[in-house]
Amino acid sequence: MPTEVQEIVSAEAHPNAGGPGPGDVIVTDNLWKTYEMGDQQVNALRGVNLRIKHNEYVAIMGPSGSGKSTLMNLIGCLDSPSKGKYWLNGHNVSELNDDELARIRNKEIGFVFQTFNLLARATSLHNVELPLIYNGTPAAERIARAKAVLESVNLGSRMMHKPNELSGGQRQRVAIARALVNKPSIILADEPTGNLDSKTGVEIMALFDDLHAKGNTIVVVTHEPDIAEYAHRIVTIRDGAVASDHPSARMTAGG
């Protein structure tokens, strides 16, 4: 069955070296993002080349203003590059319109945000159902799938609770369940422990470890070195470009 991307973009051959290869989920080739600031141009990204394969666990690190959030927006199909190409699952999504990008976001990318982004008046179950409602999944199927992913993040007993009845860690678990419910190609987490205490943050990162072990491709965007070290690979962005790309300490130590 074709993916959402394949329904939107026809398959192409990419003979250039920067194009996707076997197992690649994310490939960026000479990716630039330029903003107009009055009569000046500001290059938030400057020629980023990045390749992430299926079931990789990657942290994108950098200080404020480094360009990591801009890169996350492009990877997450929240924005389009000014120049260069981005392939998702082997298909060029660089020049799609807003409606096409929205369809891809809903189907192919599971977002986890620092601020949870849950509907305050909705139960955990309904919050997790939302991506399925948007893509027209029948009610019985979406309820069953939402219940299953809530069970998978140990929130089976909190399905009918609203966000104000949950702890910060439980809210983030609801957000992770929502990210999983469409069985996305990648889980894209933006500062996922930023609003949590250190103990709860460790628990959430342990959950990402478990999700990776189950075959998920995970990209975590963070400015915290200790959070980045949970990943297997760390890509550091500085001044809009890739400054380094290397295995994490846990991998070099055999962990």
Foldseek 3Di string as FASTA:
>chain_A
DDFLLCVVFPADDDPDPQADDPQWFKWWFQFWAWDDDPPDIAILAGGATDTFGFLAFEEEAEDPSLNLVVVLCCRLLVDATPDTFMDGPRGTPRDDDPVSSVSCNLQAEQEQEQVLPADQPAFLLVRLLVSVVVVPNDPVVSSVLSLVLCVVLVNNVRRGPGPVVDDPLSSSSSSVSSSPSSVHQAYEYEPNCVPDDPVSVVVVLVVVVVVSVVGHHYYYYDHDPVSRLSGQWYFYGGSNYTPDIGGHPCVVVVD
